[in-house]
């Protein structure tokens, strides 16, 4: 009996546990169309372009369209859901259903003046007219090739009359340069065995290196920072004030210079304070990474999703559709398939359904981004009028409440999205800044505080730079209550060094 009772209790416990595990749970499940809508919304402009081009290449029911007013397919597909419906579907996982779409509403076109000098501020835009395959569009009209460091130096090398052996050694040195223009590899290790017969002596490599160091920008081909700065100083005119003293400093006292030990430099070089200040100022004007000016960093483009312009004293937001592909339903193929009476479960029927979904989700993406951009511009009018210092605090929830959409939808519509403005190109997230309080009971944005710090540092006396404590006190005098550590964080975000490293002697 003593063994039977524990066994009964054990069965009761297992039954109770099973009942507990079988209780109902709510789970969010996204339909394929809703998954595609969310995916397209959170894409950047370049990712969106690649996605549409991929769909155009693989789906036979899609074609590249030029007319946004073309009627949409009249098949049994739902109309584009509003952002409110999008959020509701995210919560309930129910499919979007609605009346049949017969014709897309015509797009309202507003004639706006061009942005002032937009070409000089933004060079990564796509051409307005997309290639149609008829040969009228020439990629050479808008694409440009940038010359990298090695191409530039090899071009300069061609102007010298050299023996084949000497030219090959110089080319090996050029190929050994890194992106900053330094030669980090030992000279004797640049070429493998058997390349030269007989193998070059180190003196021959040194001569070839001297030749490369004389090509184009001074400082290229240096093996360390001291040599890079020395080459730039030697290239200056011999009458340059304090040039010889600066050469001595970079050769023998570079570590002391890096520690800003001004008094130690004066004692070591046995010179006057004025001469040392002039030499230090000369060294600061040198370029420690001369190869970066040939960097290909500008090859990754940013395509704005919207363009903001002032028209009749109002800031107008227009979508930048000219920079992105336009997809529309291929009516001829759709009609042929509908008349052929294929099964609704056939692969072609699935392709047609996916084409309809894509077209409507693309329009939904444009609509959501447009609405969010308009709400941002409406709240940040002062920024467009007066600049960064007038940027007001803004949270995602404010936009979500006004547009009656979920905060996560606003987050997706602002991630990796950019707007082109007369003040430059800004990410949507740039306009969202947390709130800081003032001693008068008001508030200002963190971006405005950063702008104030930048303005103070740019206007400081270089011999007595402002410390973080000084900056906090100056902000307090203007009514902005900010702690010293907050000032230090914002200064770091602006990429300004501490006061000791900004001091110029």
Protein backbone atom coordinates (compact mmCIF):
# COMPACT_ATOMS: atom_id res chain seq x y z
CA UNK A 1 0.00 0.00 0.00
CA UNK A 2 2.92 2.30 0.74
CA UNK A 3 4.20 1.76 -2.80
CA UNK A 4 0.77 2.21 -4.47
CA UNK A 5 0.01 5.70 -3.11
CA UNK A 6 3.12 7.42 -4.55
CA UNK A 7 2.41 5.83 -7.94
CA UNK A 8 -1.14 7.28 -7.94
CA UNK A 9 0.18 10.69 -7.01
CA UNK A 10 2.72 10.47 -9.81
CA UNK A 11 0.00 9.74 -12.38
CA UNK A 12 -2.03 12.69 -11.07
CA UNK A 13 0.94 14.97 -11.42
CA UNK A 14 1.55 13.83 -15.01
CA UNK A 15 -2.12 14.36 -15.89
CA UNK A 16 -2.06 17.84 -14.38
CA UNK A 17 1.13 18.67 -16.33
CA UNK A 18 -0.39 17.43 -19.60
CA UNK A 19 -3.48 19.59 -19.03
CA UNK A 20 -1.23 22.58 -18.40
CA UNK A 21 0.77 22.01 -21.60
CA UNK A 22 -2.34 21.65 -23.80
CA UNK A 23 -3.79 25.04 -22.97
CA UNK A 24 -4.47 27.41 -25.91
CA UNK A 25 -1.87 29.96 -27.00
CA UNK A 26 -2.13 32.94 -29.35
CA UNK A 27 0.50 33.04 -32.06
CA UNK A 28 1.19 35.61 -34.77
CA UNK A 29 1.45 34.17 -38.27
CA UNK A 30 2.15 36.40 -41.27
CA UNK A 31 0.65 35.68 -44.67
CA UNK A 32 3.07 35.57 -47.64
CA UNK A 33 1.79 38.89 -48.92
CA UNK A 34 2.21 40.57 -45.53
CA UNK A 35 5.70 39.12 -45.20
CA UNK A 36 6.61 40.63 -48.56
CA UNK A 37 5.11 43.99 -47.56
CA UNK A 38 7.18 44.14 -44.36
CA UNK A 39 10.30 43.00 -46.22
CA UNK A 40 9.97 45.69 -48.91
CA UNK A 41 9.25 48.44 -46.40
CA UNK A 42 12.41 47.90 -44.36
CA UNK A 43 14.68 47.73 -47.44
CA UNK A 44 16.97 50.58 -48.41
CA UNK A 45 16.57 52.17 -51.85
CA UNK A 46 19.40 50.14 -53.35
CA UNK A 47 18.13 46.87 -51.85
CA UNK A 48 14.63 47.70 -53.08
CA UNK A 49 15.98 48.37 -56.58
CA UNK A 50 17.77 45.01 -56.68
CA UNK A 51 14.66 43.22 -55.41
CA UNK A 52 12.42 44.73 -58.10
CA UNK A 53 14.96 44.09 -60.84
CA UNK A 54 15.19 40.47 -59.72
CA UNK A 55 11.39 40.16 -59.85
CA UNK A 56 11.30 41.72 -63.32
CA UNK A 57 13.87 39.21 -64.53
CA UNK A 58 12.19 36.11 -63.07
CA UNK A 59 8.42 36.76 -63.16
CA UNK A 60 6.92 36.60 -66.69
CA UNK A 61 3.84 38.58 -65.62
CA UNK A 62 5.89 41.66 -64.69
CA UNK A 63 7.32 44.26 -67.03
CA UNK A 64 9.16 47.50 -66.52
CA UNK A 65 6.68 50.35 -66.68
CA UNK A 66 7.21 54.02 -67.45
CA UNK A 67 3.67 55.24 -66.89
CA UNK A 68 2.61 55.29 -63.24
CA UNK A 69 -0.99 56.00 -64.31
CA UNK A 70 -1.36 52.69 -66.14
CA UNK A 71 -4.43 50.74 -64.96
CA UNK A 72 -3.76 47.85 -62.66
CA UNK A 73 -4.94 44.30 -63.19
CA UNK A 74 -8.62 43.72 -62.52
CA UNK A 75 -8.17 40.21 -61.14
CA UNK A 76 -9.37 39.10 -57.77
CA UNK A 77 -6.81 40.80 -55.61
CA UNK A 78 -7.23 43.11 -52.67
CA UNK A 79 -6.53 46.81 -52.72
CA UNK A 80 -3.43 48.16 -51.00
CA UNK A 81 -4.03 48.00 -47.29
CA UNK A 82 -3.62 51.03 -45.14
CA UNK A 83 -0.91 51.16 -42.50
CA UNK A 84 -3.57 50.62 -39.85
CA UNK A 85 -4.70 47.45 -41.55
CA UNK A 86 -1.07 46.40 -41.86
CA UNK A 87 -0.63 46.60 -38.09
CA UNK A 88 -3.91 44.81 -37.47
CA UNK A 89 -2.84 42.00 -39.76
CA UNK A 90 0.45 41.76 -37.90
CA UNK A 91 -1.52 41.18 -34.72
CA UNK A 92 -4.27 38.91 -36.02
CA UNK A 93 -2.41 37.22 -38.90
CA UNK A 94 -5.53 37.42 -41.07
CA UNK A 95 -5.13 37.82 -44.83
CA UNK A 96 -5.88 41.15 -46.47
CA UNK A 97 -9.18 41.11 -48.29
CA UNK A 98 -11.05 43.91 -49.94
CA UNK A 99 -12.96 44.97 -53.05
CA UNK A 100 -11.47 44.25 -56.45
CA UNK A 101 -9.12 46.87 -57.78
CA UNK A 102 -10.19 48.18 -61.17
CA UNK A 103 -7.92 51.15 -61.72
CA UNK A 104 -5.09 52.75 -59.79
CA UNK A 105 -5.71 56.36 -58.81
CA UNK A 106 -3.73 58.81 -60.95
CA UNK A 107 -0.61 60.23 -59.37
CA UNK A 108 -0.66 63.92 -58.57
CA UNK A 109 2.27 65.60 -60.26
CA UNK A 110 3.50 68.91 -58.87
CA UNK A 111 5.93 71.04 -60.87
CA UNK A 112 8.73 72.02 -58.51
CA UNK A 113 11.93 73.99 -59.02
CA UNK A 114 15.14 72.00 -58.98
CA UNK A 115 17.21 71.78 -55.83
CA UNK A 116 19.95 74.41 -55.74
CA UNK A 117 23.27 72.88 -56.80
CA UNK A 118 22.00 69.39 -56.06
CA UNK A 119 24.49 67.84 -58.48
CA UNK A 120 27.45 69.12 -56.50
CA UNK A 121 26.06 67.85 -53.19
CA UNK A 122 24.92 64.43 -54.38
CA UNK A 123 26.62 62.45 -57.12
CA UNK A 124 25.29 58.98 -56.39
CA UNK A 125 21.84 59.29 -57.95
CA UNK A 126 20.73 57.09 -60.81
CA UNK A 127 19.87 58.66 -64.19
CA UNK A 128 16.36 59.95 -64.56
CA UNK A 129 15.68 57.91 -67.69
CA UNK A 130 16.22 54.18 -67.41
CA UNK A 131 17.60 52.13 -70.27
CA UNK A 132 14.90 50.56 -72.42
CA UNK A 133 17.16 48.42 -74.57
CA UNK A 134 16.90 50.58 -77.68
CA UNK A 135 20.44 51.91 -77.41
CA UNK A 136 19.41 55.50 -76.65
CA UNK A 137 20.77 55.41 -73.11
CA UNK A 138 24.53 55.50 -72.71
CA UNK A 139 25.95 54.53 -69.34
CA UNK A 140 28.95 56.72 -70.09
CA UNK A 141 26.74 59.80 -69.77
CA UNK A 142 26.34 59.34 -66.03
CA UNK A 143 28.90 56.78 -64.84
CA UNK A 144 32.42 57.86 -64.10
CA UNK A 145 35.57 55.91 -63.38
CA UNK A 146 37.77 56.98 -60.48
CA UNK A 147 41.52 56.54 -60.72
CA UNK A 148 42.99 54.67 -57.78
CA UNK A 149 46.42 55.15 -56.21
CA UNK A 150 48.24 52.45 -58.19
CA UNK A 151 46.83 53.58 -61.55
CA UNK A 152 47.90 57.13 -60.81
CA UNK A 153 51.46 56.19 -59.88
CA UNK A 154 51.86 53.79 -62.82
CA UNK A 155 50.72 56.57 -65.12
CA UNK A 156 53.33 58.88 -63.63
CA UNK A 157 55.96 56.16 -63.99
CA UNK A 158 55.33 55.95 -67.74
CA UNK A 159 56.76 59.44 -68.16
CA UNK A 160 60.22 58.21 -67.06
CA UNK A 161 62.66 56.52 -69.43
CA UNK A 162 63.79 53.49 -67.44
CA UNK A 163 65.42 50.18 -68.09
CA UNK A 164 62.98 47.24 -68.02
CA UNK A 165 64.53 45.94 -64.79
CA UNK A 166 64.23 49.29 -63.02
CA UNK A 167 60.68 49.81 -64.23
CA UNK A 168 59.62 46.36 -63.01
CA UNK A 169 61.11 47.01 -59.58
CA UNK A 170 59.23 50.31 -59.32
CA UNK A 171 55.99 48.59 -60.34
CA UNK A 172 56.48 45.96 -57.62
CA UNK A 173 56.89 48.76 -55.07
CA UNK A 174 53.73 50.49 -56.30
CA UNK A 175 51.76 47.23 -56.03
CA UNK A 176 53.04 46.83 -52.47
CA UNK A 177 51.53 50.10 -51.23
CA UNK A 178 48.51 49.90 -48.94
CA UNK A 179 45.42 52.12 -49.17
CA UNK A 180 47.06 54.79 -46.98
CA UNK A 181 50.05 55.02 -49.32
CA UNK A 182 52.54 53.25 -47.01
CA UNK A 183 54.93 50.45 -47.95
CA UNK A 184 54.51 48.00 -45.08
CA UNK A 185 56.34 45.10 -46.79
CA UNK A 186 60.11 44.75 -46.67
CA UNK A 187 61.76 45.67 -49.98
CA UNK A 188 63.47 42.31 -50.42
CA UNK A 189 60.14 40.48 -50.03
CA UNK A 190 58.22 42.35 -52.73
CA UNK A 191 59.21 40.02 -55.60
CA UNK A 192 59.40 36.25 -55.46
CA UNK A 193 62.32 34.07 -56.39
CA UNK A 194 63.13 33.87 -60.08
CA UNK A 195 61.49 37.17 -61.04
CA UNK A 196 64.83 38.97 -61.42
CA UNK A 197 68.05 37.48 -62.69
CA UNK A 198 70.25 38.22 -60.87
CA UNK A 199 68.20 39.10 -57.73
CA UNK A 200 68.35 42.85 -56.95
CA UNK A 201 70.51 44.07 -54.11
CA UNK A 202 68.89 46.14 -51.38
CA UNK A 203 70.61 49.25 -52.75
CA UNK A 204 68.77 48.75 -56.07
CA UNK A 205 65.46 48.50 -54.23
CA UNK A 206 66.27 51.68 -52.32
CA UNK A 207 66.91 53.55 -55.58
CA UNK A 208 63.60 52.32 -57.04
CA UNK A 209 61.83 53.35 -53.82
CA UNK A 210 63.29 56.86 -54.05
CA UNK A 211 61.88 57.10 -57.56
CA UNK A 212 58.39 56.02 -56.43
CA UNK A 213 58.51 58.50 -53.55
CA UNK A 214 59.04 61.31 -56.05
CA UNK A 215 55.91 60.41 -58.03
CA UNK A 216 52.77 62.50 -57.62
CA UNK A 217 51.87 63.31 -53.98
CA UNK A 218 54.75 63.71 -51.49
CA UNK A 219 54.68 61.15 -48.70
CA UNK A 220 53.64 58.15 -50.77
CA UNK A 221 55.87 55.10 -50.46
CA UNK A 222 56.93 55.89 -46.88
CA UNK A 223 57.63 53.00 -44.54
CA UNK A 224 56.48 54.75 -41.36
CA UNK A 225 54.84 57.96 -40.18
CA UNK A 226 58.11 59.80 -39.56
CA UNK A 227 59.32 59.12 -43.11
CA UNK A 228 55.93 60.13 -44.55
CA UNK A 229 56.01 63.52 -42.77
CA UNK A 230 59.68 64.02 -43.62
CA UNK A 231 59.06 63.44 -47.33
CA UNK A 232 56.33 66.08 -47.31
CA UNK A 233 58.55 68.58 -45.50
CA UNK A 234 61.47 67.97 -47.87
CA UNK A 235 59.14 68.61 -50.82
CA UNK A 236 58.43 72.12 -49.47
CA UNK A 237 60.39 75.16 -50.51
CA UNK A 238 63.67 75.48 -48.63
CA UNK A 239 62.74 79.01 -47.57
CA UNK A 240 59.66 77.79 -45.68
CA UNK A 241 59.93 79.12 -42.09
CA UNK A 242 60.89 76.47 -39.49
CA UNK A 243 61.09 73.74 -42.15
CA UNK A 244 64.44 72.40 -40.91
CA UNK A 245 63.23 72.41 -37.31
CA UNK A 246 60.11 70.51 -38.32
CA UNK A 247 62.24 67.90 -40.10
CA UNK A 248 64.33 67.46 -36.96
CA UNK A 249 61.18 67.01 -34.86
CA UNK A 250 59.64 64.31 -37.09
CA UNK A 251 62.98 62.49 -37.26
CA UNK A 252 63.91 62.52 -33.57
CA UNK A 253 61.10 63.93 -31.41
CA UNK A 254 57.90 62.57 -32.95
CA UNK A 255 56.89 60.68 -29.82
CA UNK A 256 57.30 63.78 -27.67
CA UNK A 257 55.24 65.74 -30.22
CA UNK A 258 52.47 63.15 -30.00
CA UNK A 259 52.34 63.62 -26.22
CA UNK A 260 52.02 67.42 -26.66
CA UNK A 261 55.10 67.93 -24.51
CA UNK A 262 55.75 71.49 -25.71
CA UNK A 263 58.24 72.46 -23.01
CA UNK A 264 60.15 69.20 -23.53
CA UNK A 265 60.35 69.87 -27.28
CA UNK A 266 61.75 73.36 -26.67
CA UNK A 267 64.44 71.98 -24.36
CA UNK A 268 65.35 69.08 -26.67
CA UNK A 269 65.56 71.25 -29.80
CA UNK A 270 67.06 74.27 -28.03
CA UNK A 271 64.88 76.76 -29.87
CA UNK A 272 62.56 79.62 -29.02
CA UNK A 273 58.88 79.19 -28.20
CA UNK A 274 57.84 81.05 -31.36
CA UNK A 275 59.99 78.85 -33.59
CA UNK A 276 58.57 75.72 -31.96
CA UNK A 277 54.97 76.93 -32.41
CA UNK A 278 55.67 77.63 -36.08
CA UNK A 279 57.26 74.20 -36.60
CA UNK A 280 54.40 72.40 -34.83
CA UNK A 281 51.87 74.31 -36.90
CA UNK A 282 53.74 73.30 -40.06
CA UNK A 283 53.68 69.63 -39.08
CA UNK A 284 49.94 69.72 -38.32
CA UNK A 285 49.26 70.83 -41.89
CA UNK A 286 50.82 67.63 -43.26
CA UNK A 287 48.81 64.62 -44.38
CA UNK A 288 49.61 61.45 -42.36
CA UNK A 289 47.69 59.24 -44.84
CA UNK A 290 48.33 60.63 -48.32
CA UNK A 291 47.01 57.54 -50.08
CA UNK A 292 43.46 57.99 -48.80
CA UNK A 293 42.83 60.82 -51.24
CA UNK A 294 42.71 58.16 -53.95
CA UNK A 295 40.41 55.91 -51.94
CA UNK A 296 37.38 54.36 -53.62
CA UNK A 297 35.20 55.06 -50.56
CA UNK A 298 32.78 57.12 -52.68
CA UNK A 299 31.87 54.10 -54.81
CA UNK A 300 28.97 53.06 -52.55
CA UNK A 301 26.07 55.35 -53.34
CA UNK A 302 23.17 56.58 -51.28
CA UNK A 303 19.94 56.97 -53.23
CA UNK A 304 17.38 59.27 -51.55
CA UNK A 305 13.87 57.90 -51.25
CA UNK A 306 12.25 61.36 -51.21
CA UNK A 307 13.20 64.89 -52.25
CA UNK A 308 12.32 67.88 -50.06
CA UNK A 309 12.02 71.28 -51.75
CA UNK A 310 10.60 74.66 -50.84
CA UNK A 311 7.78 75.77 -53.11
CA UNK A 312 5.62 78.83 -52.49
CA UNK A 313 7.00 79.14 -48.93
CA UNK A 314 6.05 75.53 -48.18
CA UNK A 315 8.27 72.48 -47.86
CA UNK A 316 7.05 69.83 -50.29
CA UNK A 317 8.00 66.13 -50.20
CA UNK A 318 8.07 64.20 -53.49
CA UNK A 319 9.05 60.55 -53.95
CA UNK A 320 12.22 59.87 -55.89
CA UNK A 321 10.70 57.27 -58.19
CA UNK A 322 12.94 58.24 -61.10
CA UNK A 323 15.87 56.56 -59.36
CA UNK A 324 14.12 53.21 -58.95
CA UNK A 325 12.67 50.63 -61.34
CA UNK A 326 8.94 50.63 -61.98
CA UNK A 327 7.09 47.34 -62.25
CA UNK A 328 3.64 46.82 -63.72
CA UNK A 329 1.54 43.82 -64.72
CA UNK A 330 2.14 42.53 -68.25
CA UNK A 331 -1.45 42.83 -69.49
CA UNK A 332 -1.00 40.71 -72.60
CA UNK A 333 0.41 37.74 -70.67
CA UNK A 334 -2.18 38.12 -67.91
CA UNK A 335 -5.07 38.11 -70.42
CA UNK A 336 -3.66 35.09 -72.24
CA UNK A 337 -3.34 33.16 -69.00
CA UNK A 338 -6.86 34.12 -67.89
CA UNK A 339 -8.36 32.99 -71.19
CA UNK A 340 -6.42 29.71 -71.16
CA UNK A 341 -8.38 28.56 -68.07
CA UNK A 342 -5.47 26.92 -66.34
CA UNK A 343 -5.92 25.53 -62.85
CA UNK A 344 -5.72 28.06 -60.04
CA UNK A 345 -3.13 25.84 -58.38
CA UNK A 346 -0.75 25.80 -61.33
CA UNK A 347 2.72 27.38 -61.00
CA UNK A 348 1.75 30.09 -63.51
CA UNK A 349 -1.22 31.08 -61.36
CA UNK A 350 1.12 31.44 -58.41
CA UNK A 351 3.45 33.65 -60.48
CA UNK A 352 0.49 35.86 -61.47
CA UNK A 353 -0.63 36.17 -57.86
CA UNK A 354 2.89 37.08 -56.74
CA UNK A 355 3.07 39.73 -59.47
CA UNK A 356 -0.16 41.30 -58.21
CA UNK A 357 1.10 41.23 -54.63
CA UNK A 358 4.39 42.84 -55.60
CA UNK A 359 2.75 45.72 -57.47
CA UNK A 360 0.46 46.54 -54.57
CA UNK A 361 3.17 46.15 -51.93
CA UNK A 362 5.44 48.46 -53.91
CA UNK A 363 2.74 51.12 -53.94
CA UNK A 364 2.17 50.50 -50.23
CA UNK A 365 5.89 51.06 -49.60
CA UNK A 366 5.90 54.34 -51.53
CA UNK A 367 2.77 55.52 -49.72
CA UNK A 368 4.08 54.71 -46.22
CA UNK A 369 7.48 56.32 -46.79
CA UNK A 370 5.81 59.39 -48.30
CA UNK A 371 3.47 59.84 -45.33
CA UNK A 372 6.25 59.36 -42.78
CA UNK A 373 8.50 61.83 -44.62
CA UNK A 374 5.75 64.44 -44.76
CA UNK A 375 5.11 64.05 -41.02
CA UNK A 376 8.83 64.48 -40.30
CA UNK A 377 9.13 67.59 -42.46
CA UNK A 378 6.03 69.08 -40.87
CA UNK A 379 7.57 68.76 -37.40
CA UNK A 380 11.08 69.83 -38.37
CA UNK A 381 10.25 73.00 -40.30
CA UNK A 382 12.78 74.98 -38.27
CA UNK A 383 15.58 72.61 -39.25
CA UNK A 384 15.01 73.23 -42.95
CA UNK A 385 14.89 76.96 -42.33
CA UNK A 386 17.76 77.44 -39.85
CA UNK A 387 19.82 74.25 -39.80
CA UNK A 388 20.99 71.68 -37.26
CA UNK A 389 20.80 73.99 -34.28
CA UNK A 390 17.01 74.27 -34.72
CA UNK A 391 16.33 70.52 -34.79
CA UNK A 392 13.57 69.80 -32.27
CA UNK A 393 13.11 66.63 -30.17
CA UNK A 394 11.12 63.97 -32.00
CA UNK A 395 10.16 60.39 -31.15
CA UNK A 396 8.88 57.58 -33.35
CA UNK A 397 5.68 57.41 -31.31
CA UNK A 398 4.74 60.97 -32.29
CA UNK A 399 4.76 60.04 -35.98
CA UNK A 400 2.98 56.76 -35.30
CA UNK A 401 0.21 58.48 -33.33
CA UNK A 402 -0.38 61.11 -35.99
CA UNK A 403 -0.49 58.62 -38.88
CA UNK A 404 -2.41 56.05 -36.79
CA UNK A 405 0.06 53.29 -37.54
CA UNK A 406 2.20 51.11 -35.33
CA UNK A 407 5.53 52.37 -34.05
CA UNK A 408 7.31 49.36 -35.61
CA UNK A 409 5.98 50.42 -39.03
CA UNK A 410 7.49 53.88 -38.54
CA UNK A 411 10.76 52.27 -37.52
CA UNK A 412 10.85 50.18 -40.70
CA UNK A 413 9.90 53.20 -42.83
CA UNK A 414 12.77 55.27 -41.40
CA UNK A 415 15.56 52.66 -41.35
CA UNK A 416 18.04 53.10 -44.22
CA UNK A 417 15.79 55.71 -45.84
CA UNK A 418 17.19 59.06 -46.99
CA UNK A 419 15.79 62.41 -48.03
CA UNK A 420 17.54 64.91 -50.29
CA UNK A 421 17.17 68.48 -49.02
CA UNK A 422 18.76 71.84 -49.86
CA UNK A 423 20.97 71.30 -46.79
CA UNK A 424 22.22 67.91 -47.98
CA UNK A 425 21.14 64.29 -47.81
CA UNK A 426 19.98 63.03 -44.41
CA UNK A 427 18.79 59.70 -43.12
CA UNK A 428 15.25 59.73 -41.74
CA UNK A 429 16.64 58.65 -38.36
CA UNK A 430 18.65 61.89 -38.25
CA UNK A 431 15.48 63.83 -37.47
CA UNK A 432 14.67 61.74 -34.39
CA UNK A 433 16.56 63.07 -31.39
CA UNK A 434 15.95 62.63 -27.69
CA UNK A 435 14.75 65.47 -25.49
CA UNK A 436 16.96 67.49 -23.16
CA UNK A 437 15.53 69.93 -20.65
CA UNK A 438 16.44 73.56 -20.09
CA UNK A 439 16.47 75.54 -16.86
CA UNK A 440 13.44 77.51 -18.05
CA UNK A 441 11.27 74.40 -18.20
CA UNK A 442 11.49 74.02 -21.97
CA UNK A 443 13.30 71.37 -23.98
CA UNK A 444 15.75 71.03 -26.86
CA UNK A 445 17.03 68.12 -28.91
CA UNK A 446 20.32 66.32 -28.43
CA UNK A 447 21.17 67.16 -32.04
CA UNK A 448 20.80 70.86 -31.29
CA UNK A 449 23.12 70.49 -28.30
CA UNK A 450 25.70 68.77 -30.50
CA UNK A 451 25.41 71.65 -32.96
CA UNK A 452 26.02 74.13 -30.14
CA UNK A 453 29.09 72.18 -28.98
CA UNK A 454 30.44 72.12 -32.53
CA UNK A 455 29.89 75.86 -32.84
CA UNK A 456 31.71 76.51 -29.56
CA UNK A 457 34.70 74.33 -30.43
CA UNK A 458 35.01 75.80 -33.92
CA UNK A 459 35.12 79.30 -32.43
CA UNK A 460 37.49 78.58 -29.53
CA UNK A 461 40.98 79.95 -29.09
CA UNK A 462 43.35 77.26 -30.38
CA UNK A 463 45.94 78.08 -27.71
CA UNK A 464 43.41 77.67 -24.86
CA UNK A 465 40.77 75.16 -26.06
CA UNK A 466 37.57 74.62 -24.12
CA UNK A 467 37.44 71.61 -21.82
CA UNK A 468 34.31 69.51 -21.38
CA UNK A 469 33.63 71.31 -18.10
CA UNK A 470 33.91 74.67 -19.88
CA UNK A 471 31.53 73.51 -22.59
CA UNK A 472 29.02 72.32 -19.99
CA UNK A 473 29.19 75.70 -18.24
CA UNK A 474 28.72 77.60 -21.51
CA UNK A 475 25.71 75.44 -22.35
CA UNK A 476 24.34 76.15 -18.87
CA UNK A 477 24.68 79.88 -19.50
CA UNK A 478 22.44 79.38 -22.55
CA UNK A 479 19.89 77.53 -20.46
CA UNK A 480 20.78 73.97 -21.49
CA UNK A 481 21.32 71.66 -18.51
CA UNK A 482 23.89 69.06 -19.61
CA UNK A 483 26.32 67.03 -17.48
CA UNK A 484 30.04 66.98 -18.25
CA UNK A 485 29.99 63.29 -19.23
CA UNK A 486 27.16 64.02 -21.67
CA UNK A 487 29.22 66.79 -23.23
CA UNK A 488 32.14 64.38 -23.51
CA UNK A 489 29.94 61.82 -25.25
CA UNK A 490 28.56 64.37 -27.73
CA UNK A 491 32.05 65.73 -28.41
CA UNK A 492 33.20 62.20 -29.21
CA UNK A 493 30.24 61.73 -31.56
CA UNK A 494 31.33 64.89 -33.36
CA UNK A 495 34.85 63.35 -33.63
CA UNK A 496 36.53 66.20 -31.76
CA UNK A 497 39.51 65.18 -29.59
CA UNK A 498 39.84 66.32 -25.96
CA UNK A 499 41.02 69.83 -25.17
CA UNK A 500 44.65 68.77 -24.59
CA UNK A 501 44.87 67.28 -28.06
CA UNK A 502 43.22 70.32 -29.67
CA UNK A 503 45.71 72.76 -28.16
CA UNK A 504 47.96 74.43 -30.71
CA UNK A 505 51.19 75.95 -29.46
